Amino acid sequence: MKNKSIIERINAPTPKFFKKLRNIGLTLGSIGVAILAAPIALPAVLTTVAGYFATVGLVASAVASVTQETELEN
């Protein structure tokens, strides 16, 4: 198996499961960022949860973006 650069991994086809995971991560990240950027004062618990949503969502989408389909070698 050839080691690929990060650019080659990003440009490679993404498996169907990871496309769904990427979209879910982007949604969670967007919700978290929207709550954090709200112009009103929010309870501390809500801002903490929003921070976790943003972090987990954006990390999940980044990891899912660099996965690739490979053929198994026998």
PDB file of N, CA and C in Angstrom:
ATOM      1  N   MET A   1       0.845  -1.178   0.000  1.00  0.00           N
ATOM      2  CA  MET A   1       0.000   0.000   0.000  1.00  0.00           C
ATOM      3  C   MET A   1       0.887   1.236   0.000  1.00  0.00           C
ATOM      4  N   LYS A   2       0.657   2.113  -0.923  1.00  0.00           N
ATOM      5  CA  LYS A   2       1.458   3.318  -1.084  1.00  0.00           C
ATOM      6  C   LYS A   2       1.001   4.386  -0.096  1.00  0.00           C
ATOM      7  N   ASN A   3       1.955   5.048   0.567  1.00  0.00           N
ATOM      8  CA  ASN A   3       1.622   6.174   1.434  1.00  0.00           C
ATOM      9  C   ASN A   3       1.282   7.364   0.557  1.00  0.00           C
ATOM     10  N   LYS A   4       0.142   7.977   0.835  1.00  0.00           N
ATOM     11  CA  LYS A   4      -0.305   9.107   0.031  1.00  0.00           C
ATOM     12  C   LYS A   4      -0.162  10.394   0.827  1.00  0.00           C
ATOM     13  N   SER A   5       0.030  11.487   0.113  1.00  0.00           N
ATOM     14  CA  SER A   5       0.093  12.784   0.776  1.00  0.00           C
ATOM     15  C   SER A   5      -1.321  13.198   1.189  1.00  0.00           C
ATOM     16  N   ILE A   6      -1.403  14.183   2.035  1.00  0.00           N
ATOM     17  CA  ILE A   6      -2.711  14.649   2.530  1.00  0.00           C
ATOM     18  C   ILE A   6      -3.562  15.185   1.372  1.00  0.00           C
ATOM     19  N   ILE A   7      -2.949  15.809   0.398  1.00  0.00           N
ATOM     20  CA  ILE A   7      -3.693  16.340  -0.756  1.00  0.00           C
ATOM     21  C   ILE A   7      -4.290  15.187  -1.562  1.00  0.00           C
ATOM     22  N   GLU A   8      -3.518  14.124  -1.762  1.00  0.00           N
ATOM     23  CA  GLU A   8      -4.032  12.966  -2.498  1.00  0.00           C
ATOM     24  C   GLU A   8      -5.169  12.288  -1.737  1.00  0.00           C
ATOM     25  N   ARG A   9      -5.055  12.240  -0.399  1.00  0.00           N
ATOM     26  CA  ARG A   9      -6.116  11.625   0.409  1.00  0.00           C
ATOM     27  C   ARG A   9      -7.395  12.449   0.345  1.00  0.00           C
ATOM     28  N   ILE A  10      -7.270  13.766   0.372  1.00  0.00           N
ATOM     29  CA  ILE A  10      -8.462  14.626   0.313  1.00  0.00           C
ATOM     30  C   ILE A  10      -9.142  14.499  -1.040  1.00  0.00           C
ATOM     31  N   ASN A  11      -8.357  14.364  -2.099  1.00  0.00           N
ATOM     32  CA  ASN A  11      -8.920  14.268  -3.446  1.00  0.00           C
ATOM     33  C   ASN A  11      -9.422  12.875  -3.800  1.00  0.00           C
ATOM     34  N   ALA A  12      -9.098  11.859  -2.994  1.00  0.00           N
ATOM     35  CA  ALA A  12      -9.538  10.492  -3.262  1.00  0.00           C
ATOM     36  C   ALA A  12     -11.035  10.356  -2.952  1.00  0.00           C
ATOM     37  N   PRO A  13     -11.704   9.362  -3.558  1.00  0.00           N
ATOM     38  CA  PRO A  13     -13.133   9.158  -3.277  1.00  0.00           C
ATOM     39  C   PRO A  13     -13.368   8.809  -1.805  1.00  0.00           C
ATOM     40  N   THR A  14     -14.425   9.372  -1.235  1.00  0.00           N
ATOM     41  CA  THR A  14     -14.780   9.136   0.163  1.00  0.00           C
ATOM     42  C   THR A  14     -15.875   8.073   0.226  1.00  0.00           C
ATOM     43  N   PRO A  15     -15.749   7.084   1.131  1.00  0.00           N
ATOM     44  CA  PRO A  15     -16.805   6.081   1.272  1.00  0.00           C
ATOM     45  C   PRO A  15     -18.129   6.707   1.713  1.00  0.00           C
ATOM     46  N   LYS A  16     -19.217   6.039   1.373  1.00  0.00           N
ATOM     47  CA  LYS A  16     -20.562   6.553   1.629  1.00  0.00           C
ATOM     48  C   LYS A  16     -20.797   6.847   3.116  1.00  0.00           C
ATOM     49  N   PHE A  17     -20.365   5.927   4.006  1.00  0.00           N
ATOM     50  CA  PHE A  17     -20.561   6.122   5.443  1.00  0.00           C
ATOM     51  C   PHE A  17     -19.876   7.399   5.924  1.00  0.00           C
ATOM     52  N   PHE A  18     -18.662   7.649   5.439  1.00  0.00           N
ATOM     53  CA  PHE A  18     -17.920   8.812   5.899  1.00  0.00           C
ATOM     54  C   PHE A  18     -18.467  10.113   5.306  1.00  0.00           C
ATOM     55  N   LYS A  19     -19.128  10.030   4.155  1.00  0.00           N
ATOM     56  CA  LYS A  19     -19.808  11.216   3.631  1.00  0.00           C
ATOM     57  C   LYS A  19     -20.945  11.621   4.572  1.00  0.00           C
ATOM     58  N   LYS A  20     -21.701  10.615   5.052  1.00  0.00           N
ATOM     59  CA  LYS A  20     -22.776  10.900   6.005  1.00  0.00           C
ATOM     60  C   LYS A  20     -22.207  11.442   7.309  1.00  0.00           C
ATOM     61  N   LEU A  21     -21.119  10.835   7.797  1.00  0.00           N
ATOM     62  CA  LEU A  21     -20.480  11.284   9.029  1.00  0.00           C
ATOM     63  C   LEU A  21     -19.964  12.711   8.883  1.00  0.00           C
ATOM     64  N   ARG A  22     -19.402  13.041   7.726  1.00  0.00           N
ATOM     65  CA  ARG A  22     -18.912  14.400   7.478  1.00  0.00           C
ATOM     66  C   ARG A  22     -20.054  15.408   7.529  1.00  0.00           C
ATOM     67  N   ASN A  23     -21.176  15.054   6.918  1.00  0.00           N
ATOM     68  CA  ASN A  23     -22.322  15.967   6.920  1.00  0.00           C
ATOM     69  C   ASN A  23     -22.900  16.150   8.319  1.00  0.00           C
ATOM     70  N   ILE A  24     -22.964  15.068   9.094  1.00  0.00           N
ATOM     71  CA  ILE A  24     -23.445  15.169  10.472  1.00  0.00           C
ATOM     72  C   ILE A  24     -22.489  16.036  11.290  1.00  0.00           C
ATOM     73  N   GLY A  25     -21.194  15.845  11.098  1.00  0.00           N
ATOM     74  CA  GLY A  25     -20.203  16.652  11.808  1.00  0.00           C
ATOM     75  C   GLY A  25     -20.298  18.119  11.456  1.00  0.00           C
ATOM     76  N   LEU A  26     -20.491  18.421  10.185  1.00  0.00           N
ATOM     77  CA  LEU A  26     -20.638  19.820   9.776  1.00  0.00           C
ATOM     78  C   LEU A  26     -21.902  20.445  10.378  1.00  0.00           C
ATOM     79  N   THR A  27     -22.965  19.656  10.456  1.00  0.00           N
ATOM     80  CA  THR A  27     -24.206  20.154  11.049  1.00  0.00           C
ATOM     81  C   THR A  27     -24.016  20.446  12.530  1.00  0.00           C
ATOM     82  N   LEU A  28     -23.417  19.500  13.259  1.00  0.00           N
ATOM     83  CA  LEU A  28     -23.165  19.717  14.687  1.00  0.00           C
ATOM     84  C   LEU A  28     -22.255  20.914  14.914  1.00  0.00           C
ATOM     85  N   GLY A  29     -21.202  21.015  14.108  1.00  0.00           N
ATOM     86  CA  GLY A  29     -20.291  22.152  14.225  1.00  0.00           C
ATOM     87  C   GLY A  29     -20.980  23.469  13.953  1.00  0.00           C
ATOM     88  N   SER A  30     -21.851  23.491  12.961  1.00  0.00           N
ATOM     89  CA  SER A  30     -22.582  24.718  12.624  1.00  0.00           C
ATOM     90  C   SER A  30     -23.532  25.123  13.746  1.00  0.00           C
ATOM     91  N   ILE A  31     -24.206  24.142  14.324  1.00  0.00           N
ATOM     92  CA  ILE A  31     -25.110  24.431  15.438  1.00  0.00           C
ATOM     93  C   ILE A  31     -24.319  24.999  16.613  1.00  0.00           C
ATOM     94  N   GLY A  32     -23.198  24.370  16.937  1.00  0.00           N
ATOM     95  CA  GLY A  32     -22.373  24.846  18.045  1.00  0.00           C
ATOM     96  C   GLY A  32     -21.865  26.257  17.828  1.00  0.00           C
ATOM     97  N   VAL A  33     -21.366  26.532  16.635  1.00  0.00           N
ATOM     98  CA  VAL A  33     -20.847  27.869  16.338  1.00  0.00           C
ATOM     99  C   VAL A  33     -21.970  28.902  16.352  1.00  0.00           C
ATOM    100  N   ALA A  34     -23.141  28.549  15.842  1.00  0.00           N
ATOM    101  CA  ALA A  34     -24.266  29.484  15.833  1.00  0.00           C
ATOM    102  C   ALA A  34     -24.694  29.842  17.261  1.00  0.00           C
ATOM    103  N   ILE A  35     -24.707  28.860  18.144  1.00  0.00           N
ATOM    104  CA  ILE A  35     -25.075  29.136  19.536  1.00  0.00           C
ATOM    105  C   ILE A  35     -24.002  29.991  20.207  1.00  0.00           C
ATOM    106  N   LEU A  36     -22.733  29.681  19.943  1.00  0.00           N
ATOM    107  CA  LEU A  36     -21.655  30.464  20.549  1.00  0.00           C
ATOM    108  C   LEU A  36     -21.631  31.906  20.051  1.00  0.00           C
ATOM    109  N   ALA A  37     -22.057  32.120  18.827  1.00  0.00           N
ATOM    110  CA  ALA A  37     -22.035  33.462  18.249  1.00  0.00           C
ATOM    111  C   ALA A  37     -23.314  34.240  18.507  1.00  0.00           C
ATOM    112  N   ALA A  38     -24.235  33.665  19.255  1.00  0.00           N
ATOM    113  CA  ALA A  38     -25.507  34.351  19.532  1.00  0.00           C
ATOM    114  C   ALA A  38     -25.246  35.667  20.265  1.00  0.00           C
ATOM    115  N   PRO A  39     -25.940  36.729  19.862  1.00  0.00           N
ATOM    116  CA  PRO A  39     -25.689  38.043  20.466  1.00  0.00           C
ATOM    117  C   PRO A  39     -26.349  38.234  21.837  1.00  0.00           C
ATOM    118  N   ILE A  40     -26.965  37.204  22.372  1.00  0.00           N
ATOM    119  CA  ILE A  40     -27.613  37.328  23.676  1.00  0.00           C
ATOM    120  C   ILE A  40     -26.856  36.488  24.702  1.00  0.00           C
ATOM    121  N   ALA A  41     -27.042  36.816  25.966  1.00  0.00           N
ATOM    122  CA  ALA A  41     -26.406  36.053  27.044  1.00  0.00           C
ATOM    123  C   ALA A  41     -27.130  34.717  27.196  1.00  0.00           C
ATOM    124  N   LEU A  42     -26.375  33.647  27.205  1.00  0.00           N
ATOM    125  CA  LEU A  42     -26.922  32.306  27.340  1.00  0.00           C
ATOM    126  C   LEU A  42     -26.366  31.663  28.601  1.00  0.00           C
ATOM    127  N   PRO A  43     -27.082  30.696  29.162  1.00  0.00           N
ATOM    128  CA  PRO A  43     -26.570  30.005  30.350  1.00  0.00           C
ATOM    129  C   PRO A  43     -25.229  29.319  30.063  1.00  0.00           C
ATOM    130  N   ALA A  44     -24.423  29.197  31.091  1.00  0.00           N
ATOM    131  CA  ALA A  44     -23.088  28.615  30.949  1.00  0.00           C
ATOM    132  C   ALA A  44     -23.147  27.180  30.434  1.00  0.00           C
ATOM    133  N   VAL A  45     -24.147  26.418  30.873  1.00  0.00           N
ATOM    134  CA  VAL A  45     -24.268  25.028  30.429  1.00  0.00           C
ATOM    135  C   VAL A  45     -24.478  24.973  28.917  1.00  0.00           C
ATOM    136  N   LEU A  46     -25.306  25.856  28.399  1.00  0.00           N
ATOM    137  CA  LEU A  46     -25.588  25.868  26.965  1.00  0.00           C
ATOM    138  C   LEU A  46     -24.344  26.248  26.161  1.00  0.00           C
ATOM    139  N   THR A  47     -23.591  27.214  26.624  1.00  0.00           N
ATOM    140  CA  THR A  47     -22.382  27.589  25.891  1.00  0.00           C
ATOM    141  C   THR A  47     -21.312  26.499  25.967  1.00  0.00           C
ATOM    142  N   THR A  48     -21.256  25.796  27.091  1.00  0.00           N
ATOM    143  CA  THR A  48     -20.311  24.679  27.206  1.00  0.00           C
ATOM    144  C   THR A  48     -20.676  23.566  26.234  1.00  0.00           C
ATOM    145  N   VAL A  49     -21.950  23.204  26.196  1.00  0.00           N
ATOM    146  CA  VAL A  49     -22.406  22.157  25.266  1.00  0.00           C
ATOM    147  C   VAL A  49     -22.183  22.599  23.822  1.00  0.00           C
ATOM    148  N   ALA A  50     -22.426  23.856  23.523  1.00  0.00           N
ATOM    149  CA  ALA A  50     -22.216  24.370  22.166  1.00  0.00           C
ATOM    150  C   ALA A  50     -20.739  24.281  21.781  1.00  0.00           C
ATOM    151  N   GLY A  51     -19.853  24.539  22.731  1.00  0.00           N
ATOM    152  CA  GLY A  51     -18.423  24.407  22.464  1.00  0.00           C
ATOM    153  C   GLY A  51     -18.041  22.975  22.147  1.00  0.00           C
ATOM    154  N   TYR A  52     -18.618  22.025  22.886  1.00  0.00           N
ATOM    155  CA  TYR A  52     -18.372  20.612  22.603  1.00  0.00           C
ATOM    156  C   TYR A  52     -18.927  20.225  21.234  1.00  0.00           C
ATOM    157  N   PHE A  53     -20.121  20.692  20.904  1.00  0.00           N
ATOM    158  CA  PHE A  53     -20.713  20.414  19.591  1.00  0.00           C
ATOM    159  C   PHE A  53     -19.789  20.916  18.481  1.00  0.00           C
ATOM    160  N   ALA A  54     -19.316  22.139  18.625  1.00  0.00           N
ATOM    161  CA  ALA A  54     -18.455  22.727  17.599  1.00  0.00           C
ATOM    162  C   ALA A  54     -17.171  21.918  17.452  1.00  0.00           C
ATOM    163  N   THR A  55     -16.556  21.571  18.573  1.00  0.00           N
ATOM    164  CA  THR A  55     -15.298  20.833  18.522  1.00  0.00           C
ATOM    165  C   THR A  55     -15.474  19.441  17.933  1.00  0.00           C
ATOM    166  N   VAL A  56     -16.415  18.693  18.475  1.00  0.00           N
ATOM    167  CA  VAL A  56     -16.635  17.314  18.010  1.00  0.00           C
ATOM    168  C   VAL A  56     -17.078  17.297  16.551  1.00  0.00           C
ATOM    169  N   GLY A  57     -17.976  18.183  16.194  1.00  0.00           N
ATOM    170  CA  GLY A  57     -18.476  18.213  14.825  1.00  0.00           C
ATOM    171  C   GLY A  57     -17.399  18.535  13.811  1.00  0.00           C
ATOM    172  N   LEU A  58     -16.581  19.531  14.109  1.00  0.00           N
ATOM    173  CA  LEU A  58     -15.557  19.928  13.153  1.00  0.00           C
ATOM    174  C   LEU A  58     -14.423  18.903  13.076  1.00  0.00           C
ATOM    175  N   VAL A  59     -14.072  18.268  14.187  1.00  0.00           N
ATOM    176  CA  VAL A  59     -13.050  17.218  14.149  1.00  0.00           C
ATOM    177  C   VAL A  59     -13.571  15.999  13.379  1.00  0.00           C
ATOM    178  N   ALA A  60     -14.822  15.621  13.624  1.00  0.00           N
ATOM    179  CA  ALA A  60     -15.400  14.475  12.915  1.00  0.00           C
ATOM    180  C   ALA A  60     -15.436  14.728  11.412  1.00  0.00           C
ATOM    181  N   SER A  61     -15.797  15.943  11.001  1.00  0.00           N
ATOM    182  CA  SER A  61     -15.831  16.211   9.565  1.00  0.00           C
ATOM    183  C   SER A  61     -14.440  16.242   8.957  1.00  0.00           C
ATOM    184  N   ALA A  62     -13.470  16.726   9.699  1.00  0.00           N
ATOM    185  CA  ALA A  62     -12.098  16.737   9.177  1.00  0.00           C
ATOM    186  C   ALA A  62     -11.570  15.315   8.998  1.00  0.00           C
ATOM    187  N   VAL A  63     -11.799  14.464   9.969  1.00  0.00           N
ATOM    188  CA  VAL A  63     -11.335  13.073   9.875  1.00  0.00           C
ATOM    189  C   VAL A  63     -12.073  12.346   8.755  1.00  0.00           C
ATOM    190  N   ALA A  64     -13.377  12.558   8.644  1.00  0.00           N
ATOM    191  CA  ALA A  64     -14.159  11.888   7.603  1.00  0.00           C
ATOM    192  C   ALA A  64     -13.761  12.364   6.212  1.00  0.00           C
ATOM    193  N   SER A  65     -13.264  13.579   6.103  1.00  0.00           N
ATOM    194  CA  SER A  65     -12.886  14.110   4.792  1.00  0.00           C
ATOM    195  C   SER A  65     -11.635  13.456   4.230  1.00  0.00           C
ATOM    196  N   VAL A  66     -10.752  12.972   5.086  1.00  0.00           N
ATOM    197  CA  VAL A  66      -9.501  12.404   4.592  1.00  0.00           C
ATOM    198  C   VAL A  66      -9.527  10.877   4.503  1.00  0.00           C
ATOM    199  N   THR A  67     -10.669  10.260   4.801  1.00  0.00           N
ATOM    200  CA  THR A  67     -10.759   8.813   4.603  1.00  0.00           C
ATOM    201  C   THR A  67     -10.925   8.539   3.116  1.00  0.00           C
ATOM    202  N   GLN A  68     -10.557   7.340   2.720  1.00  0.00           N
ATOM    203  CA  GLN A  68     -10.622   7.017   1.300  1.00  0.00           C
ATOM    204  C   GLN A  68     -10.980   5.556   1.105  1.00  0.00           C
ATOM    205  N   GLU A  69     -11.522   5.261  -0.050  1.00  0.00           N
ATOM    206  CA  GLU A  69     -11.815   3.887  -0.415  1.00  0.00           C
ATOM    207  C   GLU A  69     -10.526   3.234  -0.880  1.00  0.00           C
ATOM    208  N   THR A  70     -10.288   2.029  -0.403  1.00  0.00           N
ATOM    209  CA  THR A  70      -9.106   1.281  -0.846  1.00  0.00           C
ATOM    210  C   THR A  70      -9.514  -0.127  -1.195  1.00  0.00           C
ATOM    211  N   GLU A  71      -8.733  -0.752  -2.024  1.00  0.00           N
ATOM    212  CA  GLU A  71      -8.949  -2.145  -2.372  1.00  0.00           C
ATOM    213  C   GLU A  71      -8.060  -2.989  -1.482  1.00  0.00           C
ATOM    214  N   LEU A  72      -8.612  -4.064  -0.941  1.00  0.00           N
ATOM    215  CA  LEU A  72      -7.838  -4.961  -0.096  1.00  0.00           C
ATOM    216  C   LEU A  72      -6.924  -5.812  -0.957  1.00  0.00           C
ATOM    217  N   GLU A  73      -5.691  -5.951  -0.507  1.00  0.00           N
ATOM    218  CA  GLU A  73      -4.730  -6.785  -1.232  1.00  0.00           C
ATOM    219  C   GLU A  73      -4.697  -8.160  -0.584  1.00  0.00           C
ATOM    220  N   ASN A  74      -4.688  -9.193  -1.401  1.00  0.00           N
ATOM    221  CA  ASN A  74      -4.619 -10.574  -0.886  1.00  0.00           C
ATOM    222  C   ASN A  74      -3.197 -11.050  -0.850  1.00  0.00           C
TER     223      ASN A  74
END
